[in-house]
Amino acid sequence: MLAGPQHSHAKTQPAAAAPEAERRRSDLVRTDVSIRARLIREGQPELDVVVRNLSAAGFMAECLVPLEADTPVVLALPGIGYLPGEVRWNVSFRVGGLFQFELSTRELGLASA
């Protein structure tokens, strides 16, 4: 996984421990947002993105650069910090990602405030 700048997002148990079906269910509760953020890829320039929706399990963002599925990324989200994860899909100028650690209700609230 990418070792981005020191991130403040600390969890005790990785979300990967949850069954995939359970993670998908948690992803059904999405919050529509419009947040300017950065997407960091190892050895590549940082990308400016606009996060359009956010859930405990992942995000969807507008991104001008096509990214392959399974690409490790770190989403630098203002007010929350650096969130490691990976790209799951890319369609047109939109990219969907799955976080390595699920966000708490508090973190989701901070992001959508």
C-alpha atoms as a PDB file:
ATOM      1  CA  MET A   1       0.000   0.000   0.000  1.00  0.00           C
ATOM      2  CA  LEU A   2       1.122   3.558  -0.570  1.00  0.00           C
ATOM      3  CA  ALA A   3       2.941   5.268   2.191  1.00  0.00           C
ATOM      4  CA  GLY A   4       1.569   8.777   1.735  1.00  0.00           C
ATOM      5  CA  PRO A   5       2.223  11.580   4.168  1.00  0.00           C
ATOM      6  CA  GLN A   6       1.594  10.783   7.801  1.00  0.00           C
ATOM      7  CA  HIS A   7      -2.140  10.284   7.937  1.00  0.00           C
ATOM      8  CA  SER A   8      -4.411  10.871  10.861  1.00  0.00           C
ATOM      9  CA  HIS A   9      -6.825   8.076   9.959  1.00  0.00           C
ATOM     10  CA  ALA A  10      -6.187   5.339  12.498  1.00  0.00           C
ATOM     11  CA  LYS A  11      -8.306   2.205  12.789  1.00  0.00           C
ATOM     12  CA  THR A  12      -7.790  -0.867  14.887  1.00  0.00           C
ATOM     13  CA  GLN A  13      -9.146  -3.405  12.417  1.00  0.00           C
ATOM     14  CA  PRO A  14      -8.944  -3.299   8.624  1.00  0.00           C
ATOM     15  CA  ALA A  15     -12.242  -3.369   6.766  1.00  0.00           C
ATOM     16  CA  ALA A  16     -10.860  -6.229   4.663  1.00  0.00           C
ATOM     17  CA  ALA A  17     -11.664  -8.490   7.612  1.00  0.00           C
ATOM     18  CA  ALA A  18     -15.377  -7.981   6.868  1.00  0.00           C
ATOM     19  CA  PRO A  19     -16.958 -10.209   4.234  1.00  0.00           C
ATOM     20  CA  GLU A  20     -17.248  -8.513   0.829  1.00  0.00           C
ATOM     21  CA  ALA A  21     -21.062  -8.716   0.891  1.00  0.00           C
ATOM     22  CA  GLU A  22     -21.132  -6.923   4.260  1.00  0.00           C
ATOM     23  CA  ARG A  23     -18.857  -4.181   2.938  1.00  0.00           C
ATOM     24  CA  ARG A  24     -21.109  -3.715  -0.091  1.00  0.00           C
ATOM     25  CA  ARG A  25     -24.143  -3.315   2.194  1.00  0.00           C
ATOM     26  CA  SER A  26     -22.374  -0.609   4.182  1.00  0.00           C
ATOM     27  CA  ASP A  27     -21.574   1.095   0.889  1.00  0.00           C
ATOM     28  CA  LEU A  28     -25.286   1.439   0.098  1.00  0.00           C
ATOM     29  CA  VAL A  29     -25.565   4.420   2.467  1.00  0.00           C
ATOM     30  CA  ARG A  30     -23.916   7.137   0.428  1.00  0.00           C
ATOM     31  CA  THR A  31     -23.732  10.825   1.142  1.00  0.00           C
ATOM     32  CA  ASP A  32     -23.722  13.201  -1.825  1.00  0.00           C
ATOM     33  CA  VAL A  33     -20.931  15.724  -1.398  1.00  0.00           C
ATOM     34  CA  SER A  34     -18.821  18.093  -3.468  1.00  0.00           C
ATOM     35  CA  ILE A  35     -15.356  18.073  -1.927  1.00  0.00           C
ATOM     36  CA  ARG A  36     -12.106  19.060  -3.626  1.00  0.00           C
ATOM     37  CA  ALA A  37      -9.501  16.472  -2.709  1.00  0.00           C
ATOM     38  CA  ARG A  38      -6.270  14.892  -3.947  1.00  0.00           C
ATOM     39  CA  LEU A  39      -5.748  11.358  -5.149  1.00  0.00           C
ATOM     40  CA  ILE A  40      -2.215  10.115  -4.524  1.00  0.00           C
ATOM     41  CA  ARG A  41      -0.632   7.261  -6.502  1.00  0.00           C
ATOM     42  CA  GLU A  42       2.835   5.899  -5.829  1.00  0.00           C
ATOM     43  CA  GLY A  43       5.434   7.333  -8.155  1.00  0.00           C
ATOM     44  CA  GLN A  44       2.869   9.466 -10.024  1.00  0.00           C
ATOM     45  CA  PRO A  45       1.810  13.107  -9.813  1.00  0.00           C
ATOM     46  CA  GLU A  46      -1.029  13.808  -7.394  1.00  0.00           C
ATOM     47  CA  LEU A  47      -4.412  14.235  -9.035  1.00  0.00           C
ATOM     48  CA  ASP A  48      -6.939  16.932  -8.172  1.00  0.00           C
ATOM     49  CA  VAL A  49     -10.369  15.307  -7.889  1.00  0.00           C
ATOM     50  CA  VAL A  50     -13.849  16.274  -6.779  1.00  0.00           C
ATOM     51  CA  VAL A  51     -15.433  13.688  -4.501  1.00  0.00           C
ATOM     52  CA  ARG A  52     -19.130  13.442  -5.430  1.00  0.00           C
ATOM     53  CA  ASN A  53     -20.274  10.770  -2.981  1.00  0.00           C
ATOM     54  CA  LEU A  54     -18.876   9.147   0.079  1.00  0.00           C
ATOM     55  CA  SER A  55     -19.761   6.130   2.195  1.00  0.00           C
ATOM     56  CA  ALA A  56     -18.117   4.295   5.058  1.00  0.00           C
ATOM     57  CA  ALA A  57     -16.588   1.855   2.570  1.00  0.00           C
ATOM     58  CA  GLY A  58     -15.556   4.079  -0.326  1.00  0.00           C
ATOM     59  CA  PHE A  59     -15.979   7.056  -2.608  1.00  0.00           C
ATOM     60  CA  MET A  60     -16.843   8.192  -6.103  1.00  0.00           C
ATOM     61  CA  ALA A  61     -14.910  11.097  -7.554  1.00  0.00           C
ATOM     62  CA  GLU A  62     -14.580  13.003 -10.789  1.00  0.00           C
ATOM     63  CA  CYS A  63     -11.073  12.459 -12.121  1.00  0.00           C
ATOM     64  CA  LEU A  64      -9.629  13.590 -15.462  1.00  0.00           C
ATOM     65  CA  VAL A  65      -7.084  10.745 -15.590  1.00  0.00           C
ATOM     66  CA  PRO A  66      -8.280   7.194 -16.271  1.00  0.00           C
ATOM     67  CA  LEU A  67      -7.180   4.817 -13.526  1.00  0.00           C
ATOM     68  CA  GLU A  68      -7.051   1.026 -13.700  1.00  0.00           C
ATOM     69  CA  ALA A  69      -9.027  -1.107 -11.255  1.00  0.00           C
ATOM     70  CA  ASP A  70      -6.915  -2.375  -8.333  1.00  0.00           C
ATOM     71  CA  THR A  71      -4.610   0.673  -8.477  1.00  0.00           C
ATOM     72  CA  PRO A  72      -3.530   1.516  -4.897  1.00  0.00           C
ATOM     73  CA  VAL A  73      -4.377   5.120  -4.001  1.00  0.00           C
ATOM     74  CA  VAL A  74      -4.555   7.432  -1.033  1.00  0.00           C
ATOM     75  CA  LEU A  75      -7.447   9.904  -0.956  1.00  0.00           C
ATOM     76  CA  ALA A  76      -6.366  13.117   0.804  1.00  0.00           C
ATOM     77  CA  LEU A  77      -9.685  14.393   2.133  1.00  0.00           C
ATOM     78  CA  PRO A  78      -9.791  17.792   3.904  1.00  0.00           C
ATOM     79  CA  GLY A  79     -10.960  17.546   7.500  1.00  0.00           C
ATOM     80  CA  ILE A  80     -10.370  13.790   7.659  1.00  0.00           C
ATOM     81  CA  GLY A  81      -6.850  13.091   6.421  1.00  0.00           C
ATOM     82  CA  TYR A  82      -5.193  10.484   4.229  1.00  0.00           C
ATOM     83  CA  LEU A  83      -7.356   7.462   3.423  1.00  0.00           C
ATOM     84  CA  PRO A  84      -5.590   4.501   1.803  1.00  0.00           C
ATOM     85  CA  GLY A  85      -7.539   2.307  -0.567  1.00  0.00           C
ATOM     86  CA  GLU A  86      -7.762   1.136  -4.139  1.00  0.00           C
ATOM     87  CA  VAL A  87      -9.569   1.957  -7.340  1.00  0.00           C
ATOM     88  CA  ARG A  88     -12.450  -0.467  -8.016  1.00  0.00           C
ATOM     89  CA  TRP A  89     -13.838   0.998 -11.247  1.00  0.00           C
ATOM     90  CA  ASN A  90     -13.447   3.845 -13.734  1.00  0.00           C
ATOM     91  CA  VAL A  91     -16.126   5.034 -16.158  1.00  0.00           C
ATOM     92  CA  SER A  92     -15.640   8.132 -18.292  1.00  0.00           C
ATOM     93  CA  PHE A  93     -14.415  10.841 -15.898  1.00  0.00           C
ATOM     94  CA  ARG A  94     -15.557   9.084 -12.726  1.00  0.00           C
ATOM     95  CA  VAL A  95     -13.626   6.722 -10.499  1.00  0.00           C
ATOM     96  CA  GLY A  96     -14.868   4.562  -7.644  1.00  0.00           C
ATOM     97  CA  GLY A  97     -12.641   3.539  -4.771  1.00  0.00           C
ATOM     98  CA  LEU A  98     -12.782   1.235  -1.777  1.00  0.00           C
ATOM     99  CA  PHE A  99     -11.123   2.348   1.461  1.00  0.00           C
ATOM    100  CA  GLN A 100      -8.705   0.060   3.266  1.00  0.00           C
ATOM    101  CA  PHE A 101     -10.431   1.031   6.537  1.00  0.00           C
ATOM    102  CA  GLU A 102     -14.096   1.964   6.830  1.00  0.00           C
ATOM    103  CA  LEU A 103     -14.946   5.509   7.888  1.00  0.00           C
ATOM    104  CA  SER A 104     -16.771   6.082  11.145  1.00  0.00           C
ATOM    105  CA  THR A 105     -20.072   7.949  11.353  1.00  0.00           C
ATOM    106  CA  ARG A 106     -18.141  10.859  12.880  1.00  0.00           C
ATOM    107  CA  GLU A 107     -15.711  10.984   9.936  1.00  0.00           C
ATOM    108  CA  LEU A 108     -18.563  10.872   7.429  1.00  0.00           C
ATOM    109  CA  GLY A 109     -20.172  13.774   9.272  1.00  0.00           C
ATOM    110  CA  LEU A 110     -16.950  15.791   9.164  1.00  0.00           C
ATOM    111  CA  ALA A 111     -16.613  15.209   5.424  1.00  0.00           C
ATOM    112  CA  SER A 112     -20.148  16.269   4.603  1.00  0.00           C
ATOM    113  CA  ALA A 113     -20.164  19.337   6.884  1.00  0.00           C
END
